[in-house]
C-alpha atoms as a PDB file:
ATOM      1  CA  MET A   1      -0.157   2.466  20.128  1.00  0.00           C
ATOM      2  CA  ALA A   2      -1.182   0.936  16.815  1.00  0.00           C
ATOM      3  CA  ALA A   3       0.452  -2.250  15.640  1.00  0.00           C
ATOM      4  CA  LYS A   4       2.861  -1.907  12.796  1.00  0.00           C
ATOM      5  CA  VAL A   5       2.815  -3.768   9.469  1.00  0.00           C
ATOM      6  CA  ILE A   6       5.555  -4.054   6.953  1.00  0.00           C
ATOM      7  CA  VAL A   7       4.795  -2.716   3.467  1.00  0.00           C
ATOM      8  CA  PHE A   8       7.026  -2.997   0.403  1.00  0.00           C
ATOM      9  CA  MET A   9       7.636  -0.323  -2.247  1.00  0.00           C
ATOM     10  CA  ASN A  10       9.258  -1.877  -5.297  1.00  0.00           C
ATOM     11  CA  GLY A  11      10.715  -4.589  -2.983  1.00  0.00           C
ATOM     12  CA  LYS A  12      12.020  -2.259  -0.269  1.00  0.00           C
ATOM     13  CA  ALA A  13      10.469  -2.753   3.190  1.00  0.00           C
ATOM     14  CA  ARG A  14       9.149  -0.088   5.544  1.00  0.00           C
ATOM     15  CA  GLN A  15       6.784  -0.085   8.558  1.00  0.00           C
ATOM     16  CA  VAL A  16       3.418   1.724   8.815  1.00  0.00           C
ATOM     17  CA  ASN A  17       0.633   1.745  11.371  1.00  0.00           C
ATOM     18  CA  SER A  18      -1.958  -0.872  10.884  1.00  0.00           C
ATOM     19  CA  ASP A  19      -4.914   1.466  11.576  1.00  0.00           C
ATOM     20  CA  ARG A  20      -4.623   3.157   8.176  1.00  0.00           C
ATOM     21  CA  THR A  21      -6.496   2.605   4.905  1.00  0.00           C
ATOM     22  CA  VAL A  22      -4.524   1.782   1.845  1.00  0.00           C
ATOM     23  CA  MET A  23      -5.344   5.291   0.435  1.00  0.00           C
ATOM     24  CA  GLU A  24      -3.899   6.968   3.581  1.00  0.00           C
ATOM     25  CA  ILE A  25      -0.688   4.948   3.194  1.00  0.00           C
ATOM     26  CA  VAL A  26      -0.445   5.909  -0.489  1.00  0.00           C
ATOM     27  CA  GLY A  27      -0.717   9.570   0.611  1.00  0.00           C
ATOM     28  CA  GLU A  28       1.803   9.180   3.468  1.00  0.00           C
ATOM     29  CA  MET A  29       4.260   7.632   1.013  1.00  0.00           C
ATOM     30  CA  LYS A  30       3.672  10.611  -1.348  1.00  0.00           C
ATOM     31  CA  LEU A  31       2.718   8.286  -4.211  1.00  0.00           C
ATOM     32  CA  GLU A  32       0.649   9.295  -7.218  1.00  0.00           C
ATOM     33  CA  PRO A  33      -2.402   6.989  -7.077  1.00  0.00           C
ATOM     34  CA  SER A  34      -2.581   6.790 -10.905  1.00  0.00           C
ATOM     35  CA  SER A  35       1.009   5.443 -11.124  1.00  0.00           C
ATOM     36  CA  VAL A  36       0.997   2.728  -8.433  1.00  0.00           C
ATOM     37  CA  LEU A  37      -0.415  -0.769  -8.132  1.00  0.00           C
ATOM     38  CA  VAL A  38      -1.248  -2.224  -4.730  1.00  0.00           C
ATOM     39  CA  GLU A  39      -1.265  -5.860  -3.654  1.00  0.00           C
ATOM     40  CA  ARG A  40      -2.648  -6.957  -0.326  1.00  0.00           C
ATOM     41  CA  ASN A  41      -1.606 -10.446   0.741  1.00  0.00           C
ATOM     42  CA  GLY A  42      -0.814 -11.317  -2.831  1.00  0.00           C
ATOM     43  CA  GLU A  43      -4.124 -10.041  -4.323  1.00  0.00           C
ATOM     44  CA  ALA A  44      -4.313  -6.883  -6.432  1.00  0.00           C
ATOM     45  CA  LEU A  45      -6.641  -4.185  -5.047  1.00  0.00           C
ATOM     46  CA  LEU A  46      -8.803  -2.045  -7.243  1.00  0.00           C
ATOM     47  CA  ARG A  47      -8.157   1.677  -6.743  1.00  0.00           C
ATOM     48  CA  GLN A  48     -11.762   2.259  -5.641  1.00  0.00           C
ATOM     49  CA  GLU A  49     -11.102  -0.252  -2.744  1.00  0.00           C
ATOM     50  CA  TRP A  50      -8.161   1.729  -1.316  1.00  0.00           C
ATOM     51  CA  GLY A  51     -10.322   4.056   0.840  1.00  0.00           C
ATOM     52  CA  GLU A  52     -12.271   1.122   2.254  1.00  0.00           C
ATOM     53  CA  LYS A  53      -9.481  -1.360   3.028  1.00  0.00           C
ATOM     54  CA  LYS A  54      -7.897  -0.905   6.483  1.00  0.00           C
ATOM     55  CA  VAL A  55      -4.521  -2.489   6.879  1.00  0.00           C
ATOM     56  CA  GLU A  56      -4.569  -5.180   9.600  1.00  0.00           C
ATOM     57  CA  HIS A  57      -1.793  -6.701  11.649  1.00  0.00           C
ATOM     58  CA  GLY A  58      -0.191  -9.459   9.603  1.00  0.00           C
ATOM     59  CA  ASP A  59      -1.114  -8.001   6.204  1.00  0.00           C
ATOM     60  CA  ARG A  60       1.539  -7.806   3.554  1.00  0.00           C
ATOM     61  CA  LEU A  61       1.159  -4.863   1.242  1.00  0.00           C
ATOM     62  CA  GLU A  62       3.192  -4.439  -1.917  1.00  0.00           C
ATOM     63  CA  PHE A  63       3.240  -1.080  -3.739  1.00  0.00           C
ATOM     64  CA  VAL A  64       4.572  -1.223  -7.262  1.00  0.00           C
ATOM     65  CA  LYS A  65       5.296   2.065  -8.934  1.00  0.00           C
ATOM     66  CA  VAL A  66       4.462   1.895 -12.609  1.00  0.00           C
ATOM     67  CA  VAL A  67       6.848   3.528 -15.025  1.00  0.00           C
ATOM     68  CA  ALA A  68       5.939   3.922 -18.670  1.00  0.00           C
ATOM     69  CA  GLY A  69       8.613   4.101 -21.265  1.00  0.00           C
ATOM     70  CA  GLY A  70       9.591   3.151 -24.727  1.00  0.00           C
END
């Protein structure tokens, strides 16, 4: 069984398996990649890194949904 990590979506916590890439987690959370920012351990990730970066036990991921408005 894979270890779980806690990820945050706009400040709300949830658990995911640690053997996933950031892109897989974005898909599982049904997020639109063009409207979300991802931080891993306090550092912003470029979208092109999402498919390469596997989440590891102890990581803290923060997903921030971007909303445009006027």
